[in-house]
Amino acid sequence: MHSLTITEFIVNGKVTSPKELRKIVTAMGDADIIAVKGGYIFNVSFQDTTMIIGIMPYLIHGQRTRHYDIKMPEDRYMMIGFINSNGTLDLLFKVSRAEYKAGLSDETKQHYADRCIAFAAIMHEYGLPEDCVINQVTVAIMAEIGLTLTAPTLQALATCQN
């Protein structure tokens, strides 16, 4: 399992109770809500025992939103993601081109692996469907950092050994 212990959540700049987080995450996985909003984009980072996530509908008043529209502090190991209108999850790292070309260090890979597993476990625990499909690009990126998924699902990532 992941080596991060998360005890506090900040969603869109506000400290959020586990009960409120469950409502938010459940809505992120609701097929009817996803269809109306076109999906969700999000940025996620971790600081000590806190998960910080900024979430926006993919479409607002018919206009596409962008990850840079989400206001939250930058983090060395920030991840960005998308739940598309079919409910498929994309999860990517916000890595500089130079760092990616040079190759991620083992330490960096470990930081990302811990964060990916923690994020998936929290999303799974708080209401995103366990059979939520992870797209093939994300599966390939997980393999690149040493995480082999038994299936391309949220549950497989949440329970992945690293």
Protein backbone atom coordinates (compact mmCIF):
# COMPACT_ATOMS: atom_id res chain seq x y z
CA MET A 1 0.00 0.00 0.00
CA HIS A 2 0.98 3.64 -0.07
CA SER A 3 3.21 5.16 2.56
CA LEU A 4 1.27 8.41 2.96
CA THR A 5 -1.11 8.89 5.88
CA ILE A 6 -3.76 11.44 4.99
CA THR A 7 -5.90 12.88 7.78
CA GLU A 8 -7.03 16.22 6.34
CA PHE A 9 -8.54 17.30 3.03
CA ILE A 10 -8.58 20.68 1.34
CA VAL A 11 -10.94 20.94 -1.62
CA ASN A 12 -10.96 24.10 -3.72
CA GLY A 13 -9.14 26.00 -0.99
CA LYS A 14 -11.38 24.96 1.92
CA VAL A 15 -10.76 22.45 4.67
CA THR A 16 -13.31 19.73 3.97
CA SER A 17 -14.78 17.14 6.32
CA PRO A 18 -14.71 13.47 5.31
CA LYS A 19 -18.53 13.61 5.00
CA GLU A 20 -18.34 16.54 2.57
CA LEU A 21 -15.47 14.89 0.65
CA ARG A 22 -17.65 11.81 0.21
CA LYS A 23 -20.42 13.94 -1.36
CA ILE A 24 -17.94 15.59 -3.73
CA VAL A 25 -16.21 12.36 -4.80
CA THR A 26 -19.52 10.54 -5.21
CA ALA A 27 -20.71 13.34 -7.52
CA MET A 28 -17.46 13.03 -9.51
CA GLY A 29 -18.42 9.41 -10.23
CA ASP A 30 -22.13 9.94 -10.90
CA ALA A 31 -22.80 9.19 -14.59
CA ASP A 32 -25.68 11.69 -14.85
CA ILE A 33 -23.69 14.53 -13.27
CA ILE A 34 -20.61 13.69 -15.35
CA ALA A 35 -22.69 13.82 -18.55
CA VAL A 36 -24.06 17.27 -17.71
CA LYS A 37 -20.68 18.70 -16.69
CA GLY A 38 -18.67 16.96 -19.43
CA GLY A 39 -16.53 15.40 -16.71
CA TYR A 40 -14.19 16.96 -14.17
CA ILE A 41 -10.64 18.24 -14.23
CA PHE A 42 -8.54 18.35 -11.10
CA ASN A 43 -5.12 19.15 -9.69
CA VAL A 44 -3.96 17.27 -6.62
CA SER A 45 -1.03 17.59 -4.27
CA PHE A 46 -0.07 16.38 -0.83
CA GLN A 47 1.51 18.29 2.03
CA ASP A 48 2.40 16.29 5.10
CA THR A 49 -0.89 14.60 6.08
CA THR A 50 -3.12 16.78 3.87
CA MET A 51 -4.47 16.06 0.39
CA ILE A 52 -5.14 19.27 -1.50
CA ILE A 53 -7.37 18.99 -4.54
CA GLY A 54 -8.80 21.60 -6.86
CA ILE A 55 -11.76 20.39 -8.91
CA MET A 56 -13.72 22.01 -11.73
CA PRO A 57 -16.36 20.78 -14.15
CA TYR A 58 -14.87 20.25 -17.60
CA LEU A 59 -17.54 22.54 -19.05
CA ILE A 60 -18.79 25.76 -17.49
CA HIS A 61 -21.46 27.66 -19.47
CA GLY A 62 -20.47 25.65 -22.53
CA GLN A 63 -16.79 26.67 -22.26
CA ARG A 64 -13.97 24.19 -21.68
CA THR A 65 -12.01 24.69 -18.47
CA ARG A 66 -8.26 24.19 -18.10
CA HIS A 67 -6.05 22.92 -15.30
CA TYR A 68 -4.38 26.31 -14.98
CA ASP A 69 -7.83 27.77 -14.16
CA ILE A 70 -7.71 25.83 -10.89
CA LYS A 71 -6.16 28.11 -8.30
CA MET A 72 -3.97 26.23 -5.86
CA PRO A 73 -0.36 26.34 -4.74
CA GLU A 74 2.18 24.68 -7.02
CA ASP A 75 3.77 21.53 -5.65
CA ARG A 76 6.92 19.73 -6.82
CA TYR A 77 4.95 16.48 -7.19
CA MET A 78 1.61 17.90 -8.34
CA MET A 79 -0.61 15.64 -10.38
CA ILE A 80 -3.29 16.65 -12.83
CA GLY A 81 -6.23 14.61 -13.91
CA PHE A 82 -9.52 14.33 -15.69
CA ILE A 83 -12.63 12.22 -15.34
CA ASN A 84 -14.12 12.30 -18.82
CA SER A 85 -17.77 12.13 -19.83
CA ASN A 86 -17.56 8.32 -19.93
CA GLY A 87 -16.23 8.21 -16.36
CA THR A 88 -12.69 7.22 -17.39
CA LEU A 89 -9.90 8.53 -15.17
CA ASP A 90 -6.71 10.14 -16.49
CA LEU A 91 -3.93 10.87 -13.99
CA LEU A 92 -0.72 12.59 -15.08
CA PHE A 93 2.28 14.19 -13.43
CA LYS A 94 3.12 17.83 -13.81
CA VAL A 95 6.77 17.28 -14.75
CA SER A 96 8.97 19.70 -16.66
CA ARG A 97 9.94 18.62 -20.16
CA ALA A 98 13.63 18.77 -19.22
CA GLU A 99 13.13 16.50 -16.21
CA TYR A 100 11.08 14.03 -18.23
CA LYS A 101 13.68 13.93 -21.03
CA ALA A 102 16.50 13.42 -18.50
CA GLY A 103 14.53 10.61 -16.88
CA LEU A 104 12.82 10.63 -13.53
CA SER A 105 15.03 9.67 -10.60
CA ASP A 106 14.10 6.65 -8.50
CA GLU A 107 13.27 9.04 -5.65
CA THR A 108 10.90 11.05 -7.86
CA LYS A 109 9.26 7.87 -9.14
CA GLN A 110 8.72 6.74 -5.54
CA HIS A 111 7.15 10.10 -4.59
CA TYR A 112 4.75 9.88 -7.53
CA ALA A 113 3.95 6.21 -6.86
CA ASP A 114 3.09 6.97 -3.23
CA ARG A 115 0.88 9.88 -4.26
CA CYS A 116 -0.90 7.98 -7.05
CA ILE A 117 -1.75 5.09 -4.73
CA ALA A 118 -2.84 7.45 -1.93
CA PHE A 119 -5.02 9.45 -4.33
CA ALA A 120 -6.63 6.32 -5.79
CA ALA A 121 -7.22 4.85 -2.31
CA ILE A 122 -8.87 8.07 -1.11
CA MET A 123 -11.02 8.39 -4.24
CA HIS A 124 -12.04 4.74 -3.89
CA GLU A 125 -12.76 5.04 -0.15
CA TYR A 126 -14.79 8.23 -0.59
CA GLY A 127 -17.08 7.12 -3.38
CA LEU A 128 -15.53 6.95 -6.84
CA PRO A 129 -16.66 3.58 -8.26
CA GLU A 130 -14.05 0.84 -7.79
CA ASP A 131 -14.57 -0.23 -11.40
CA CYS A 132 -13.75 3.30 -12.61
CA VAL A 133 -11.57 2.68 -15.66
CA ILE A 134 -8.11 4.21 -15.89
CA ASN A 135 -7.10 5.15 -19.42
CA GLN A 136 -4.21 3.37 -21.16
CA VAL A 137 -1.91 6.42 -21.09
CA THR A 138 -2.24 6.52 -17.30
CA VAL A 139 -1.65 2.75 -17.07
CA ALA A 140 1.55 3.20 -19.13
CA ILE A 141 2.69 6.09 -16.93
CA MET A 142 2.06 4.00 -13.80
CA ALA A 143 4.25 1.24 -15.29
CA GLU A 144 6.96 3.84 -15.98
CA ILE A 145 7.14 4.67 -12.27
CA GLY A 146 7.09 1.01 -11.25
CA LEU A 147 3.39 0.38 -10.59
CA THR A 148 2.01 -2.66 -12.38
CA LEU A 149 -1.79 -2.71 -12.30
CA THR A 150 -3.65 -6.02 -12.29
CA ALA A 151 -6.45 -4.29 -14.22
CA PRO A 152 -6.93 -0.74 -15.57
CA THR A 153 -9.22 0.24 -12.69
CA LEU A 154 -9.23 2.61 -9.74
CA GLN A 155 -9.36 -0.32 -7.33
CA ALA A 156 -6.27 -1.91 -8.90
CA LEU A 157 -4.34 1.34 -8.48
CA ALA A 158 -5.66 1.88 -4.93
CA THR A 159 -4.42 -1.56 -3.86
CA CYS A 160 -1.22 -1.61 -5.91
CA GLN A 161 1.96 -2.61 -4.10
CA ASN A 162 4.87 -0.29 -4.69
